[in-house]
Amino acid sequence: ILEPIECEIAYKSSLIEMIMTIDQIEFEPNQKSVL
């Protein structure tokens, strides 16, 4: 289990950070999106 997780972290740390950041964002359905 450790080896595949270690490989994922080694090669995809920025992707994992992105997933974590997106998971932390709480969107309210009534909030307006802007360009």
ModelCIF file with pLDDT and N, C-alpha, C, O atoms, coordinates in Angstrom:
data_MODEL
#
_entry.id   MODEL 
#
_entity.id                         1 
_entity.type                       polymer 
_entity.pdbx_number_of_molecules   1 
#
_entity_poly.entity_id                      1 
_entity_poly.type                           'polypeptide(L)' 
_entity_poly.nstd_linkage                   no 
_entity_poly.nstd_monomer                   no 
_entity_poly.pdbx_seq_one_letter_code       ILEPIECEIAYKSSLIEMIMTIDQIEFEPNQKSVL 
_entity_poly.pdbx_seq_one_letter_code_can   ILEPIECEIAYKSSLIEMIMTIDQIEFEPNQKSVL 
_entity_poly.pdbx_strand_id                 A 
#
loop_
_entity_poly_seq.entity_id 
_entity_poly_seq.num 
_entity_poly_seq.mon_id 
_entity_poly_seq.hetero 
1 1  ILE n 
1 2  LEU n 
1 3  GLU n 
1 4  PRO n 
1 5  ILE n 
1 6  GLU n 
1 7  CYS n 
1 8  GLU n 
1 9  ILE n 
1 10 ALA n 
1 11 TYR n 
1 12 LYS n 
1 13 SER n 
1 14 SER n 
1 15 LEU n 
1 16 ILE n 
1 17 GLU n 
1 18 MET n 
1 19 ILE n 
1 20 MET n 
1 21 THR n 
1 22 ILE n 
1 23 ASP n 
1 24 GLN n 
1 25 ILE n 
1 26 GLU n 
1 27 PHE n 
1 28 GLU n 
1 29 PRO n 
1 30 ASN n 
1 31 GLN n 
1 32 LYS n 
1 33 SER n 
1 34 VAL n 
1 35 LEU n 
#
_struct_asym.id          A 
_struct_asym.entity_id   1 
#
loop_
_ma_qa_metric.id 
_ma_qa_metric.mode 
_ma_qa_metric.name 
_ma_qa_metric.software_group_id 
_ma_qa_metric.type 
1 global pLDDT . pLDDT 
2 local  pLDDT . pLDDT 
#
_ma_qa_metric_global.metric_id      1 
_ma_qa_metric_global.metric_value   82.40 
_ma_qa_metric_global.model_id       1 
_ma_qa_metric_global.ordinal_id     1 
#
loop_
_ma_qa_metric_local.label_asym_id 
_ma_qa_metric_local.label_comp_id 
_ma_qa_metric_local.label_seq_id 
_ma_qa_metric_local.metric_id 
_ma_qa_metric_local.metric_value 
_ma_qa_metric_local.model_id 
_ma_qa_metric_local.ordinal_id 
A ILE 1  2 95.00 1 1  
A LEU 2  2 96.00 1 2  
A GLU 3  2 96.00 1 3  
A PRO 4  2 96.00 1 4  
A ILE 5  2 96.00 1 5  
A GLU 6  2 96.00 1 6  
A CYS 7  2 95.00 1 7  
A GLU 8  2 95.00 1 8  
A ILE 9  2 95.00 1 9  
A ALA 10 2 94.00 1 10 
A TYR 11 2 93.00 1 11 
A LYS 12 2 92.00 1 12 
A SER 13 2 90.00 1 13 
A SER 14 2 88.00 1 14 
A LEU 15 2 88.00 1 15 
A ILE 16 2 90.00 1 16 
A GLU 17 2 89.00 1 17 
A MET 18 2 85.00 1 18 
A ILE 19 2 83.00 1 19 
A MET 20 2 83.00 1 20 
A THR 21 2 80.00 1 21 
A ILE 22 2 75.00 1 22 
A ASP 23 2 71.00 1 23 
A GLN 24 2 68.00 1 24 
A ILE 25 2 66.00 1 25 
A GLU 26 2 61.00 1 26 
A PHE 27 2 58.00 1 27 
A GLU 28 2 59.00 1 28 
A PRO 29 2 61.00 1 29 
A ASN 30 2 64.00 1 30 
A GLN 31 2 67.00 1 31 
A LYS 32 2 76.00 1 32 
A SER 33 2 76.00 1 33 
A VAL 34 2 82.00 1 34 
A LEU 35 2 85.00 1 35 
#
loop_
_atom_site.group_PDB 
_atom_site.id 
_atom_site.type_symbol 
_atom_site.label_atom_id 
_atom_site.label_alt_id 
_atom_site.label_comp_id 
_atom_site.label_asym_id 
_atom_site.label_entity_id 
_atom_site.label_seq_id 
_atom_site.pdbx_PDB_ins_code 
_atom_site.Cartn_x 
_atom_site.Cartn_y 
_atom_site.Cartn_z 
_atom_site.occupancy 
_atom_site.B_iso_or_equiv 
_atom_site.pdbx_formal_charge 
_atom_site.auth_seq_id 
_atom_site.auth_comp_id 
_atom_site.auth_asym_id 
_atom_site.auth_atom_id 
_atom_site.pdbx_PDB_model_num 
ATOM 1   N N  . ILE A 1 1  ? 0.837   -1.203 0.000   1.00 95.00 ? 1  ILE A N  1 
ATOM 2   C CA . ILE A 1 1  ? 0.000   0.000  0.000   1.00 95.00 ? 1  ILE A CA 1 
ATOM 3   C C  . ILE A 1 1  ? 0.869   1.249  0.000   1.00 95.00 ? 1  ILE A C  1 
ATOM 4   O O  . ILE A 1 1  ? 0.581   2.214  -0.708  1.00 95.00 ? 1  ILE A O  1 
ATOM 5   N N  . LEU A 1 2  ? 1.932   1.228  0.795   1.00 96.00 ? 2  LEU A N  1 
ATOM 6   C CA . LEU A 1 2  ? 2.792   2.403  0.932   1.00 96.00 ? 2  LEU A CA 1 
ATOM 7   C C  . LEU A 1 2  ? 3.473   2.801  -0.376  1.00 96.00 ? 2  LEU A C  1 
ATOM 8   O O  . LEU A 1 2  ? 3.537   3.985  -0.707  1.00 96.00 ? 2  LEU A O  1 
ATOM 9   N N  . GLU A 1 3  ? 3.981   1.823  -1.118  1.00 96.00 ? 3  GLU A N  1 
ATOM 10  C CA . GLU A 1 3  ? 4.730   2.132  -2.342  1.00 96.00 ? 3  GLU A CA 1 
ATOM 11  C C  . GLU A 1 3  ? 3.892   2.869  -3.386  1.00 96.00 ? 3  GLU A C  1 
ATOM 12  O O  . GLU A 1 3  ? 4.350   3.886  -3.906  1.00 96.00 ? 3  GLU A O  1 
ATOM 13  N N  . PRO A 1 4  ? 2.685   2.403  -3.716  1.00 96.00 ? 4  PRO A N  1 
ATOM 14  C CA . PRO A 1 4  ? 1.901   3.154  -4.711  1.00 96.00 ? 4  PRO A CA 1 
ATOM 15  C C  . PRO A 1 4  ? 1.504   4.555  -4.220  1.00 96.00 ? 4  PRO A C  1 
ATOM 16  O O  . PRO A 1 4  ? 1.477   5.503  -5.004  1.00 96.00 ? 4  PRO A O  1 
ATOM 17  N N  . ILE A 1 5  ? 1.197   4.681  -2.927  1.00 96.00 ? 5  ILE A N  1 
ATOM 18  C CA . ILE A 1 5  ? 0.851   6.009  -2.401  1.00 96.00 ? 5  ILE A CA 1 
ATOM 19  C C  . ILE A 1 5  ? 2.066   6.924  -2.480  1.00 96.00 ? 5  ILE A C  1 
ATOM 20  O O  . ILE A 1 5  ? 1.948   8.093  -2.847  1.00 96.00 ? 5  ILE A O  1 
ATOM 21  N N  . GLU A 1 6  ? 3.232   6.389  -2.133  1.00 96.00 ? 6  GLU A N  1 
ATOM 22  C CA . GLU A 1 6  ? 4.471   7.179  -2.206  1.00 96.00 ? 6  GLU A CA 1 
ATOM 23  C C  . GLU A 1 6  ? 4.731   7.653  -3.631  1.00 96.00 ? 6  GLU A C  1 
ATOM 24  O O  . GLU A 1 6  ? 5.123   8.801  -3.843  1.00 96.00 ? 6  GLU A O  1 
ATOM 25  N N  . CYS A 1 7  ? 4.516   6.782  -4.602  1.00 95.00 ? 7  CYS A N  1 
ATOM 26  C CA . CYS A 1 7  ? 4.710   7.169  -6.014  1.00 95.00 ? 7  CYS A CA 1 
ATOM 27  C C  . CYS A 1 7  ? 3.725   8.257  -6.425  1.00 95.00 ? 7  CYS A C  1 
ATOM 28  O O  . CYS A 1 7  ? 4.095   9.212  -7.107  1.00 95.00 ? 7  CYS A O  1 
ATOM 29  N N  . GLU A 1 8  ? 2.484   8.110  -6.012  1.00 95.00 ? 8  GLU A N  1 
ATOM 30  C CA . GLU A 1 8  ? 1.479   9.128  -6.346  1.00 95.00 ? 8  GLU A CA 1 
ATOM 31  C C  . GLU A 1 8  ? 1.866   10.479 -5.751  1.00 95.00 ? 8  GLU A C  1 
ATOM 32  O O  . GLU A 1 8  ? 1.753   11.505 -6.422  1.00 95.00 ? 8  GLU A O  1 
ATOM 33  N N  . ILE A 1 9  ? 2.317   10.488 -4.508  1.00 95.00 ? 9  ILE A N  1 
ATOM 34  C CA . ILE A 1 9  ? 2.715   11.749 -3.866  1.00 95.00 ? 9  ILE A CA 1 
ATOM 35  C C  . ILE A 1 9  ? 3.949   12.319 -4.551  1.00 95.00 ? 9  ILE A C  1 
ATOM 36  O O  . ILE A 1 9  ? 4.020   13.526 -4.781  1.00 95.00 ? 9  ILE A O  1 
ATOM 37  N N  . ALA A 1 10 ? 4.913   11.479 -4.878  1.00 94.00 ? 10 ALA A N  1 
ATOM 38  C CA . ALA A 1 10 ? 6.151   11.946 -5.503  1.00 94.00 ? 10 ALA A CA 1 
ATOM 39  C C  . ALA A 1 10 ? 5.891   12.595 -6.862  1.00 94.00 ? 10 ALA A C  1 
ATOM 40  O O  . ALA A 1 10 ? 6.478   13.629 -7.183  1.00 94.00 ? 10 ALA A O  1 
ATOM 41  N N  . TYR A 1 11 ? 5.017   11.990 -7.651  1.00 93.00 ? 11 TYR A N  1 
ATOM 42  C CA . TYR A 1 11 ? 4.814   12.467 -9.013  1.00 93.00 ? 11 TYR A CA 1 
ATOM 43  C C  . TYR A 1 11 ? 3.610   13.384 -9.184  1.00 93.00 ? 11 TYR A C  1 
ATOM 44  O O  . TYR A 1 11 ? 3.491   14.066 -10.202 1.00 93.00 ? 11 TYR A O  1 
ATOM 45  N N  . LYS A 1 12 ? 2.725   13.406 -8.205  1.00 92.00 ? 12 LYS A N  1 
ATOM 46  C CA . LYS A 1 12 ? 1.487   14.177 -8.378  1.00 92.00 ? 12 LYS A CA 1 
ATOM 47  C C  . LYS A 1 12 ? 1.190   15.084 -7.184  1.00 92.00 ? 12 LYS A C  1 
ATOM 48  O O  . LYS A 1 12 ? 0.024   15.331 -6.878  1.00 92.00 ? 12 LYS A O  1 
ATOM 49  N N  . SER A 1 13 ? 2.221   15.580 -6.509  1.00 90.00 ? 13 SER A N  1 
ATOM 50  C CA . SER A 1 13 ? 1.975   16.400 -5.320  1.00 90.00 ? 13 SER A CA 1 
ATOM 51  C C  . SER A 1 13 ? 1.201   17.671 -5.661  1.00 90.00 ? 13 SER A C  1 
ATOM 52  O O  . SER A 1 13 ? 0.336   18.089 -4.891  1.00 90.00 ? 13 SER A O  1 
ATOM 53  N N  . SER A 1 14 ? 1.495   18.285 -6.792  1.00 88.00 ? 14 SER A N  1 
ATOM 54  C CA . SER A 1 14 ? 0.757   19.508 -7.154  1.00 88.00 ? 14 SER A CA 1 
ATOM 55  C C  . SER A 1 14 ? -0.699  19.171 -7.496  1.00 88.00 ? 14 SER A C  1 
ATOM 56  O O  . SER A 1 14 ? -1.595  19.958 -7.193  1.00 88.00 ? 14 SER A O  1 
ATOM 57  N N  . LEU A 1 15 ? -0.943  18.036 -8.110  1.00 88.00 ? 15 LEU A N  1 
ATOM 58  C CA . LEU A 1 15 ? -2.307  17.603 -8.399  1.00 88.00 ? 15 LEU A CA 1 
ATOM 59  C C  . LEU A 1 15 ? -3.067  17.342 -7.094  1.00 88.00 ? 15 LEU A C  1 
ATOM 60  O O  . LEU A 1 15 ? -4.238  17.702 -6.967  1.00 88.00 ? 15 LEU A O  1 
ATOM 61  N N  . ILE A 1 16 ? -2.397  16.718 -6.138  1.00 90.00 ? 16 ILE A N  1 
ATOM 62  C CA . ILE A 1 16 ? -3.023  16.448 -4.839  1.00 90.00 ? 16 ILE A CA 1 
ATOM 63  C C  . ILE A 1 16 ? -3.347  17.761 -4.130  1.00 90.00 ? 16 ILE A C  1 
ATOM 64  O O  . ILE A 1 16 ? -4.419  17.903 -3.543  1.00 90.00 ? 16 ILE A O  1 
ATOM 65  N N  . GLU A 1 17 ? -2.423  18.721 -4.182  1.00 89.00 ? 17 GLU A N  1 
ATOM 66  C CA . GLU A 1 17 ? -2.686  20.034 -3.581  1.00 89.00 ? 17 GLU A CA 1 
ATOM 67  C C  . GLU A 1 17 ? -3.883  20.698 -4.246  1.00 89.00 ? 17 GLU A C  1 
ATOM 68  O O  . GLU A 1 17 ? -4.704  21.321 -3.573  1.00 89.00 ? 17 GLU A O  1 
ATOM 69  N N  . MET A 1 18 ? -3.984  20.567 -5.566  1.00 85.00 ? 18 MET A N  1 
ATOM 70  C CA . MET A 1 18 ? -5.117  21.141 -6.282  1.00 85.00 ? 18 MET A CA 1 
ATOM 71  C C  . MET A 1 18 ? -6.427  20.488 -5.838  1.00 85.00 ? 18 MET A C  1 
ATOM 72  O O  . MET A 1 18 ? -7.418  21.179 -5.604  1.00 85.00 ? 18 MET A O  1 
ATOM 73  N N  . ILE A 1 19 ? -6.433  19.168 -5.723  1.00 83.00 ? 19 ILE A N  1 
ATOM 74  C CA . ILE A 1 19 ? -7.634  18.451 -5.287  1.00 83.00 ? 19 ILE A CA 1 
ATOM 75  C C  . ILE A 1 19 ? -8.020  18.903 -3.884  1.00 83.00 ? 19 ILE A C  1 
ATOM 76  O O  . ILE A 1 19 ? -9.196  19.132 -3.601  1.00 83.00 ? 19 ILE A O  1 
ATOM 77  N N  . MET A 1 20 ? -7.030  19.031 -3.009  1.00 83.00 ? 20 MET A N  1 
ATOM 78  C CA . MET A 1 20 ? -7.298  19.464 -1.634  1.00 83.00 ? 20 MET A CA 1 
ATOM 79  C C  . MET A 1 20 ? -7.849  20.891 -1.604  1.00 83.00 ? 20 MET A C  1 
ATOM 80  O O  . MET A 1 20 ? -8.769  21.184 -0.840  1.00 83.00 ? 20 MET A O  1 
ATOM 81  N N  . THR A 1 21 ? -7.299  21.763 -2.417  1.00 80.00 ? 21 THR A N  1 
ATOM 82  C CA . THR A 1 21 ? -7.767  23.155 -2.459  1.00 80.00 ? 21 THR A CA 1 
ATOM 83  C C  . THR A 1 21 ? -9.198  23.219 -2.964  1.00 80.00 ? 21 THR A C  1 
ATOM 84  O O  . THR A 1 21 ? -10.031 23.920 -2.389  1.00 80.00 ? 21 THR A O  1 
ATOM 85  N N  . ILE A 1 22 ? -9.486  22.501 -4.020  1.00 75.00 ? 22 ILE A N  1 
ATOM 86  C CA . ILE A 1 22 ? -10.840 22.508 -4.578  1.00 75.00 ? 22 ILE A CA 1 
ATOM 87  C C  . ILE A 1 22 ? -11.827 21.923 -3.573  1.00 75.00 ? 22 ILE A C  1 
ATOM 88  O O  . ILE A 1 22 ? -12.948 22.419 -3.454  1.00 75.00 ? 22 ILE A O  1 
ATOM 89  N N  . ASP A 1 23 ? -11.429 20.871 -2.845  1.00 71.00 ? 23 ASP A N  1 
ATOM 90  C CA . ASP A 1 23 ? -12.310 20.278 -1.834  1.00 71.00 ? 23 ASP A CA 1 
ATOM 91  C C  . ASP A 1 23 ? -12.610 21.241 -0.690  1.00 71.00 ? 23 ASP A C  1 
ATOM 92  O O  . ASP A 1 23 ? -13.667 21.152 -0.065  1.00 71.00 ? 23 ASP A O  1 
ATOM 93  N N  . GLN A 1 24 ? -11.687 22.158 -0.413  1.00 68.00 ? 24 GLN A N  1 
ATOM 94  C CA . GLN A 1 24 ? -11.877 23.091 0.692   1.00 68.00 ? 24 GLN A CA 1 
ATOM 95  C C  . GLN A 1 24 ? -12.764 24.276 0.317   1.00 68.00 ? 24 GLN A C  1 
ATOM 96  O O  . GLN A 1 24 ? -13.317 24.940 1.194   1.00 68.00 ? 24 GLN A O  1 
ATOM 97  N N  . ILE A 1 25 ? -12.901 24.541 -0.967  1.00 66.00 ? 25 ILE A N  1 
ATOM 98  C CA . ILE A 1 25 ? -13.726 25.662 -1.408  1.00 66.00 ? 25 ILE A CA 1 
ATOM 99  C C  . ILE A 1 25 ? -15.185 25.291 -1.246  1.00 66.00 ? 25 ILE A C  1 
ATOM 100 O O  . ILE A 1 25 ? -15.642 24.276 -1.772  1.00 66.00 ? 25 ILE A O  1 
ATOM 101 N N  . GLU A 1 26 ? -15.896 26.100 -0.531  1.00 61.00 ? 26 GLU A N  1 
ATOM 102 C CA . GLU A 1 26 ? -17.318 25.864 -0.348  1.00 61.00 ? 26 GLU A CA 1 
ATOM 103 C C  . GLU A 1 26 ? -18.075 26.873 -1.213  1.00 61.00 ? 26 GLU A C  1 
ATOM 104 O O  . GLU A 1 26 ? -18.057 28.077 -0.957  1.00 61.00 ? 26 GLU A O  1 
ATOM 105 N N  . PHE A 1 27 ? -18.723 26.358 -2.218  1.00 58.00 ? 27 PHE A N  1 
ATOM 106 C CA . PHE A 1 27 ? -19.496 27.215 -3.101  1.00 58.00 ? 27 PHE A CA 1 
ATOM 107 C C  . PHE A 1 27 ? -20.937 27.262 -2.637  1.00 58.00 ? 27 PHE A C  1 
ATOM 108 O O  . PHE A 1 27 ? -21.550 26.232 -2.356  1.00 58.00 ? 27 PHE A O  1 
ATOM 109 N N  . GLU A 1 28 ? -21.460 28.448 -2.561  1.00 59.00 ? 28 GLU A N  1 
ATOM 110 C CA . GLU A 1 28 ? -22.874 28.592 -2.252  1.00 59.00 ? 28 GLU A CA 1 
ATOM 111 C C  . GLU A 1 28 ? -23.606 28.678 -3.579  1.00 59.00 ? 28 GLU A C  1 
ATOM 112 O O  . GLU A 1 28 ? -23.140 29.356 -4.495  1.00 59.00 ? 28 GLU A O  1 
ATOM 113 N N  . PRO A 1 29 ? -24.746 28.003 -3.702  1.00 61.00 ? 29 PRO A N  1 
ATOM 114 C CA . PRO A 1 29 ? -25.441 27.952 -4.977  1.00 61.00 ? 29 PRO A CA 1 
ATOM 115 C C  . PRO A 1 29 ? -25.897 29.322 -5.474  1.00 61.00 ? 29 PRO A C  1 
ATOM 116 O O  . PRO A 1 29 ? -26.067 29.512 -6.678  1.00 61.00 ? 29 PRO A O  1 
ATOM 117 N N  . ASN A 1 30 ? -26.096 30.268 -4.578  1.00 64.00 ? 30 ASN A N  1 
ATOM 118 C CA . ASN A 1 30 ? -26.580 31.587 -4.981  1.00 64.00 ? 30 ASN A CA 1 
ATOM 119 C C  . ASN A 1 30 ? -25.453 32.563 -5.298  1.00 64.00 ? 30 ASN A C  1 
ATOM 120 O O  . ASN A 1 30 ? -25.716 33.690 -5.717  1.00 64.00 ? 30 ASN A O  1 
ATOM 121 N N  . GLN A 1 31 ? -24.205 32.148 -5.105  1.00 67.00 ? 31 GLN A N  1 
ATOM 122 C CA . GLN A 1 31 ? -23.095 33.040 -5.387  1.00 67.00 ? 31 GLN A CA 1 
ATOM 123 C C  . GLN A 1 31 ? -22.901 33.193 -6.893  1.00 67.00 ? 31 GLN A C  1 
ATOM 124 O O  . GLN A 1 31 ? -23.052 32.245 -7.664  1.00 67.00 ? 31 GLN A O  1 
ATOM 125 N N  . LYS A 1 32 ? -22.574 34.375 -7.267  1.00 76.00 ? 32 LYS A N  1 
ATOM 126 C CA . LYS A 1 32 ? -22.409 34.711 -8.682  1.00 76.00 ? 32 LYS A CA 1 
ATOM 127 C C  . LYS A 1 32 ? -20.976 34.407 -9.128  1.00 76.00 ? 32 LYS A C  1 
ATOM 128 O O  . LYS A 1 32 ? -20.014 34.711 -8.423  1.00 76.00 ? 32 LYS A O  1 
ATOM 129 N N  . SER A 1 33 ? -20.859 33.806 -10.304 1.00 76.00 ? 33 SER A N  1 
ATOM 130 C CA . SER A 1 33 ? -19.549 33.596 -10.904 1.00 76.00 ? 33 SER A CA 1 
ATOM 131 C C  . SER A 1 33 ? -19.262 34.745 -11.854 1.00 76.00 ? 33 SER A C  1 
ATOM 132 O O  . SER A 1 33 ? -20.162 35.262 -12.515 1.00 76.00 ? 33 SER A O  1 
ATOM 133 N N  . VAL A 1 34 ? -17.996 35.136 -11.912 1.00 82.00 ? 34 VAL A N  1 
ATOM 134 C CA . VAL A 1 34 ? -17.596 36.244 -12.785 1.00 82.00 ? 34 VAL A CA 1 
ATOM 135 C C  . VAL A 1 34 ? -16.442 35.788 -13.667 1.00 82.00 ? 34 VAL A C  1 
ATOM 136 O O  . VAL A 1 34 ? -15.728 34.838 -13.348 1.00 82.00 ? 34 VAL A O  1 
ATOM 137 N N  . LEU A 1 35 ? -16.280 36.482 -14.774 1.00 85.00 ? 35 LEU A N  1 
ATOM 138 C CA . LEU A 1 35 ? -15.162 36.237 -15.671 1.00 85.00 ? 35 LEU A CA 1 
ATOM 139 C C  . LEU A 1 35 ? -14.008 37.107 -15.198 1.00 85.00 ? 35 LEU A C  1 
ATOM 140 O O  . LEU A 1 35 ? -12.933 37.085 -15.797 1.00 85.00 ? 35 LEU A O  1 
#
